[in-house]
Amino acid sequence: MVVIVFFEVLQTLSIENAALFACILWSIWKQRNNKMWNDIVDKECCVLECASSLLYDWKAAKNASDLKFSVIGSNNEQQQTSVVKLKKPSLGIVKCNIDTFVHAKTEWFEPKCDVHIGEALGLLSARHWVHELQLGPIDFELDSKKVVDNFNYSNHDNT
């Protein structure tokens, strides 16, 4: 299985190279999504540049979050370190991202199915769950173009 090979490669690499390898894989995935969603094909060199930039930004964010305060000047006054800010959802809206979470829930679906079917089932389950939690307005994010396109399509297909 391909996933096992990736984990075996990660175990043989130094921490620094493993982080770069993971960023390269993510960059390849992002380029693939850019082609599918936006019909934009970037040059191959962009994959490595994007991965390097991502790793640099991640290290900077990690270092900033590790240092809550820094001492400045001879009088030891403290100033809060600037931290990379996340984009908040609109006022009064809860953001539900399938990959990151505030609340977590795991469900197993049987039998195994195609990825887009799994994504659609995950969205359906998440919608039921946030309704039960009475969270109010929700912004859902998915990485399956097929599911998003079908969900937003005006002619509803009940199948």
C-alpha atoms as a PDB file:
ATOM      1  CA  MET A   1       0.000   0.000   0.000  1.00  0.00           C
ATOM      2  CA  VAL A   2       1.271   3.480  -0.929  1.00  0.00           C
ATOM      3  CA  VAL A   3       0.582   4.972   2.503  1.00  0.00           C
ATOM      4  CA  ILE A   4       2.834   2.397   4.173  1.00  0.00           C
ATOM      5  CA  VAL A   5       5.662   3.348   1.811  1.00  0.00           C
ATOM      6  CA  PHE A   6       5.296   7.022   2.755  1.00  0.00           C
ATOM      7  CA  PHE A   7       5.511   6.224   6.465  1.00  0.00           C
ATOM      8  CA  GLU A   8       8.526   3.979   5.895  1.00  0.00           C
ATOM      9  CA  VAL A   9      10.268   6.805   4.036  1.00  0.00           C
ATOM     10  CA  LEU A  10       9.414   9.263   6.819  1.00  0.00           C
ATOM     11  CA  GLN A  11      10.981   6.956   9.421  1.00  0.00           C
ATOM     12  CA  THR A  12      14.298   6.855   7.542  1.00  0.00           C
ATOM     13  CA  LEU A  13      14.605  10.645   7.249  1.00  0.00           C
ATOM     14  CA  SER A  14      15.915  13.177   9.729  1.00  0.00           C
ATOM     15  CA  ILE A  15      13.278  15.357  11.396  1.00  0.00           C
ATOM     16  CA  GLU A  16      14.176  18.262   9.106  1.00  0.00           C
ATOM     17  CA  ASN A  17      13.980  16.164   5.915  1.00  0.00           C
ATOM     18  CA  ALA A  18      10.800  14.417   7.063  1.00  0.00           C
ATOM     19  CA  ALA A  19       9.161  17.824   7.559  1.00  0.00           C
ATOM     20  CA  LEU A  20      10.266  18.904   4.067  1.00  0.00           C
ATOM     21  CA  PHE A  21       9.025  15.600   2.586  1.00  0.00           C
ATOM     22  CA  ALA A  22       5.617  16.060   4.237  1.00  0.00           C
ATOM     23  CA  CYS A  23       5.434  19.640   2.930  1.00  0.00           C
ATOM     24  CA  ILE A  24       6.301  18.444  -0.589  1.00  0.00           C
ATOM     25  CA  LEU A  25       3.503  15.854  -0.437  1.00  0.00           C
ATOM     26  CA  TRP A  26       1.086  18.526   0.770  1.00  0.00           C
ATOM     27  CA  SER A  27       2.234  20.873  -1.998  1.00  0.00           C
ATOM     28  CA  ILE A  28       1.634  18.166  -4.619  1.00  0.00           C
ATOM     29  CA  TRP A  29      -1.859  17.641  -3.183  1.00  0.00           C
ATOM     30  CA  LYS A  30      -2.513  21.401  -3.255  1.00  0.00           C
ATOM     31  CA  GLN A  31      -1.356  21.642  -6.885  1.00  0.00           C
ATOM     32  CA  ARG A  32      -3.665  18.741  -7.764  1.00  0.00           C
ATOM     33  CA  ASN A  33      -6.609  20.502  -6.107  1.00  0.00           C
ATOM     34  CA  ASN A  34      -5.724  23.747  -7.891  1.00  0.00           C
ATOM     35  CA  LYS A  35      -5.957  21.883 -11.204  1.00  0.00           C
ATOM     36  CA  MET A  36      -9.269  20.221 -10.281  1.00  0.00           C
ATOM     37  CA  TRP A  37     -10.973  23.228  -8.685  1.00  0.00           C
ATOM     38  CA  ASN A  38      -9.581  26.132 -10.691  1.00  0.00           C
ATOM     39  CA  ASP A  39      -8.225  24.450 -13.844  1.00  0.00           C
ATOM     40  CA  ILE A  40      -4.831  26.036 -13.110  1.00  0.00           C
ATOM     41  CA  VAL A  41      -1.678  24.064 -13.796  1.00  0.00           C
ATOM     42  CA  ASP A  42       1.407  25.464 -12.100  1.00  0.00           C
ATOM     43  CA  LYS A  43       4.966  24.755 -13.183  1.00  0.00           C
ATOM     44  CA  GLU A  44       6.660  21.800 -11.518  1.00  0.00           C
ATOM     45  CA  CYS A  45       9.185  24.096  -9.801  1.00  0.00           C
ATOM     46  CA  CYS A  46       6.265  25.710  -7.946  1.00  0.00           C
ATOM     47  CA  VAL A  47       5.685  22.490  -5.977  1.00  0.00           C
ATOM     48  CA  LEU A  48       9.104  22.666  -4.322  1.00  0.00           C
ATOM     49  CA  GLU A  49       8.923  26.443  -3.847  1.00  0.00           C
ATOM     50  CA  CYS A  50       5.501  26.126  -2.240  1.00  0.00           C
ATOM     51  CA  ALA A  51       6.728  23.306   0.018  1.00  0.00           C
ATOM     52  CA  SER A  52       9.795  25.291   1.094  1.00  0.00           C
ATOM     53  CA  SER A  53       7.674  28.370   1.794  1.00  0.00           C
ATOM     54  CA  LEU A  54       5.172  26.298   3.778  1.00  0.00           C
ATOM     55  CA  LEU A  55       7.947  24.771   5.889  1.00  0.00           C
ATOM     56  CA  TYR A  56       9.497  28.198   6.514  1.00  0.00           C
ATOM     57  CA  ASP A  57       6.110  29.663   7.536  1.00  0.00           C
ATOM     58  CA  TRP A  58       5.363  26.665   9.765  1.00  0.00           C
ATOM     59  CA  LYS A  59       8.705  27.027  11.552  1.00  0.00           C
ATOM     60  CA  ALA A  60       8.125  30.761  12.014  1.00  0.00           C
ATOM     61  CA  ALA A  61       4.629  30.150  13.421  1.00  0.00           C
ATOM     62  CA  LYS A  62       5.897  27.397  15.702  1.00  0.00           C
ATOM     63  CA  ASN A  63       8.722  29.584  17.010  1.00  0.00           C
ATOM     64  CA  ALA A  64       6.317  32.466  17.577  1.00  0.00           C
ATOM     65  CA  SER A  65       3.893  30.269  19.500  1.00  0.00           C
ATOM     66  CA  ASP A  66       6.715  28.793  21.604  1.00  0.00           C
ATOM     67  CA  LEU A  67       7.734  32.290  22.724  1.00  0.00           C
ATOM     68  CA  LYS A  68       4.786  34.006  24.361  1.00  0.00           C
ATOM     69  CA  PHE A  69       6.836  36.963  25.559  1.00  0.00           C
ATOM     70  CA  SER A  70      10.233  38.359  24.676  1.00  0.00           C
ATOM     71  CA  VAL A  71      12.372  40.638  26.833  1.00  0.00           C
ATOM     72  CA  ILE A  72      13.239  43.925  25.131  1.00  0.00           C
ATOM     73  CA  GLY A  73      15.667  46.644  26.229  1.00  0.00           C
ATOM     74  CA  SER A  74      17.639  47.063  29.414  1.00  0.00           C
ATOM     75  CA  ASN A  75      14.620  47.857  31.599  1.00  0.00           C
ATOM     76  CA  ASN A  76      13.203  44.326  31.031  1.00  0.00           C
ATOM     77  CA  GLU A  77       9.829  45.542  29.753  1.00  0.00           C
ATOM     78  CA  GLN A  78       7.977  42.717  28.053  1.00  0.00           C
ATOM     79  CA  GLN A  79       6.210  42.846  24.729  1.00  0.00           C
ATOM     80  CA  GLN A  80       3.942  40.164  23.328  1.00  0.00           C
ATOM     81  CA  THR A  81       5.452  38.396  20.327  1.00  0.00           C
ATOM     82  CA  SER A  82       3.588  38.691  17.030  1.00  0.00           C
ATOM     83  CA  VAL A  83       1.901  35.393  16.157  1.00  0.00           C
ATOM     84  CA  VAL A  84       0.527  34.270  12.799  1.00  0.00           C
ATOM     85  CA  LYS A  85      -3.233  34.865  12.936  1.00  0.00           C
ATOM     86  CA  LEU A  86      -5.885  32.475  11.693  1.00  0.00           C
ATOM     87  CA  LYS A  87      -8.864  33.788   9.746  1.00  0.00           C
ATOM     88  CA  LYS A  88     -11.941  33.725  11.947  1.00  0.00           C
ATOM     89  CA  PRO A  89     -15.375  32.863  10.538  1.00  0.00           C
ATOM     90  CA  SER A  90     -17.950  35.625  10.102  1.00  0.00           C
ATOM     91  CA  LEU A  91     -19.588  37.018  13.240  1.00  0.00           C
ATOM     92  CA  GLY A  92     -22.220  34.608  14.541  1.00  0.00           C
ATOM     93  CA  ILE A  93     -20.998  31.749  12.303  1.00  0.00           C
ATOM     94  CA  VAL A  94     -19.374  28.555  13.576  1.00  0.00           C
ATOM     95  CA  LYS A  95     -16.799  27.115  11.187  1.00  0.00           C
ATOM     96  CA  CYS A  96     -16.873  23.349  10.716  1.00  0.00           C
ATOM     97  CA  ASN A  97     -13.752  22.137   8.914  1.00  0.00           C
ATOM     98  CA  ILE A  98     -13.652  18.429   8.211  1.00  0.00           C
ATOM     99  CA  ASP A  99      -9.869  18.330   8.747  1.00  0.00           C
ATOM    100  CA  THR A 100      -9.555  20.467  11.897  1.00  0.00           C
ATOM    101  CA  PHE A 101     -11.979  20.802  14.750  1.00  0.00           C
ATOM    102  CA  VAL A 102     -13.244  22.360  17.928  1.00  0.00           C
ATOM    103  CA  HIS A 103     -15.325  19.290  18.740  1.00  0.00           C
ATOM    104  CA  ALA A 104     -14.437  15.829  17.500  1.00  0.00           C
ATOM    105  CA  LYS A 105     -16.469  12.804  16.593  1.00  0.00           C
ATOM    106  CA  THR A 106     -15.475   9.605  14.842  1.00  0.00           C
ATOM    107  CA  GLU A 107     -17.782   7.380  12.859  1.00  0.00           C
ATOM    108  CA  TRP A 108     -16.991   4.270  10.850  1.00  0.00           C
ATOM    109  CA  PHE A 109     -18.878   3.559   7.657  1.00  0.00           C
ATOM    110  CA  GLU A 110     -19.251   0.051   6.256  1.00  0.00           C
ATOM    111  CA  PRO A 111     -18.654  -1.149   3.624  1.00  0.00           C
ATOM    112  CA  LYS A 112     -15.655   0.759   2.267  1.00  0.00           C
ATOM    113  CA  CYS A 113     -16.728   3.224  -0.394  1.00  0.00           C
ATOM    114  CA  ASP A 114     -15.352   5.674  -2.929  1.00  0.00           C
ATOM    115  CA  VAL A 115     -13.738   8.800  -1.478  1.00  0.00           C
ATOM    116  CA  HIS A 116     -16.467  11.174  -2.691  1.00  0.00           C
ATOM    117  CA  ILE A 117     -19.144   8.933  -1.129  1.00  0.00           C
ATOM    118  CA  GLY A 118     -17.220   8.945   2.164  1.00  0.00           C
ATOM    119  CA  GLU A 119     -16.875  12.732   2.019  1.00  0.00           C
ATOM    120  CA  ALA A 120     -20.621  13.104   1.355  1.00  0.00           C
ATOM    121  CA  LEU A 121     -21.447  10.763   4.246  1.00  0.00           C
ATOM    122  CA  GLY A 122     -19.052  12.731   6.464  1.00  0.00           C
ATOM    123  CA  LEU A 123     -20.796  15.983   5.523  1.00  0.00           C
ATOM    124  CA  LEU A 124     -24.211  14.467   6.210  1.00  0.00           C
ATOM    125  CA  SER A 125     -23.058  13.156   9.581  1.00  0.00           C
ATOM    126  CA  ALA A 126     -21.475  16.511  10.473  1.00  0.00           C
ATOM    127  CA  ARG A 127     -24.688  18.352   9.562  1.00  0.00           C
ATOM    128  CA  HIS A 128     -26.733  16.049  11.799  1.00  0.00           C
ATOM    129  CA  TRP A 129     -24.221  16.393  14.641  1.00  0.00           C
ATOM    130  CA  VAL A 130     -24.006  20.215  14.616  1.00  0.00           C
ATOM    131  CA  HIS A 131     -27.814  20.311  14.485  1.00  0.00           C
ATOM    132  CA  GLU A 132     -27.934  18.104  17.610  1.00  0.00           C
ATOM    133  CA  LEU A 133     -25.391  20.404  19.303  1.00  0.00           C
ATOM    134  CA  GLN A 134     -27.504  23.445  18.305  1.00  0.00           C
ATOM    135  CA  LEU A 135     -24.441  25.343  17.112  1.00  0.00           C
ATOM    136  CA  GLY A 136     -26.375  27.686  14.818  1.00  0.00           C
ATOM    137  CA  PRO A 137     -25.058  28.870  11.448  1.00  0.00           C
ATOM    138  CA  ILE A 138     -22.128  26.750  10.194  1.00  0.00           C
ATOM    139  CA  ASP A 139     -19.571  27.162   7.413  1.00  0.00           C
ATOM    140  CA  PHE A 140     -18.620  23.690   6.169  1.00  0.00           C
ATOM    141  CA  GLU A 141     -15.353  23.150   4.289  1.00  0.00           C
ATOM    142  CA  LEU A 142     -14.621  20.048   2.249  1.00  0.00           C
ATOM    143  CA  ASP A 143     -11.782  19.083  -0.051  1.00  0.00           C
ATOM    144  CA  SER A 144     -13.926  16.995  -2.411  1.00  0.00           C
ATOM    145  CA  LYS A 145     -14.831  19.094  -5.446  1.00  0.00           C
ATOM    146  CA  LYS A 146     -17.346  16.490  -6.602  1.00  0.00           C
ATOM    147  CA  VAL A 147     -19.273  16.646  -3.314  1.00  0.00           C
ATOM    148  CA  VAL A 148     -19.225  20.464  -3.173  1.00  0.00           C
ATOM    149  CA  ASP A 149     -20.341  20.767  -6.800  1.00  0.00           C
ATOM    150  CA  ASN A 150     -23.178  18.311  -6.259  1.00  0.00           C
ATOM    151  CA  PHE A 151     -24.212  19.968  -3.000  1.00  0.00           C
ATOM    152  CA  ASN A 152     -24.338  23.412  -4.643  1.00  0.00           C
ATOM    153  CA  TYR A 153     -26.010  22.181  -7.847  1.00  0.00           C
ATOM    154  CA  SER A 154     -29.501  23.700  -8.191  1.00  0.00           C
ATOM    155  CA  ASN A 155     -31.175  20.552  -9.610  1.00  0.00           C
ATOM    156  CA  HIS A 156     -31.249  18.213  -6.646  1.00  0.00           C
ATOM    157  CA  ASP A 157     -30.702  14.536  -7.370  1.00  0.00           C
ATOM    158  CA  ASN A 158     -32.187  12.566  -4.485  1.00  0.00           C
ATOM    159  CA  THR A 159     -30.028   9.527  -5.221  1.00  0.00           C
END
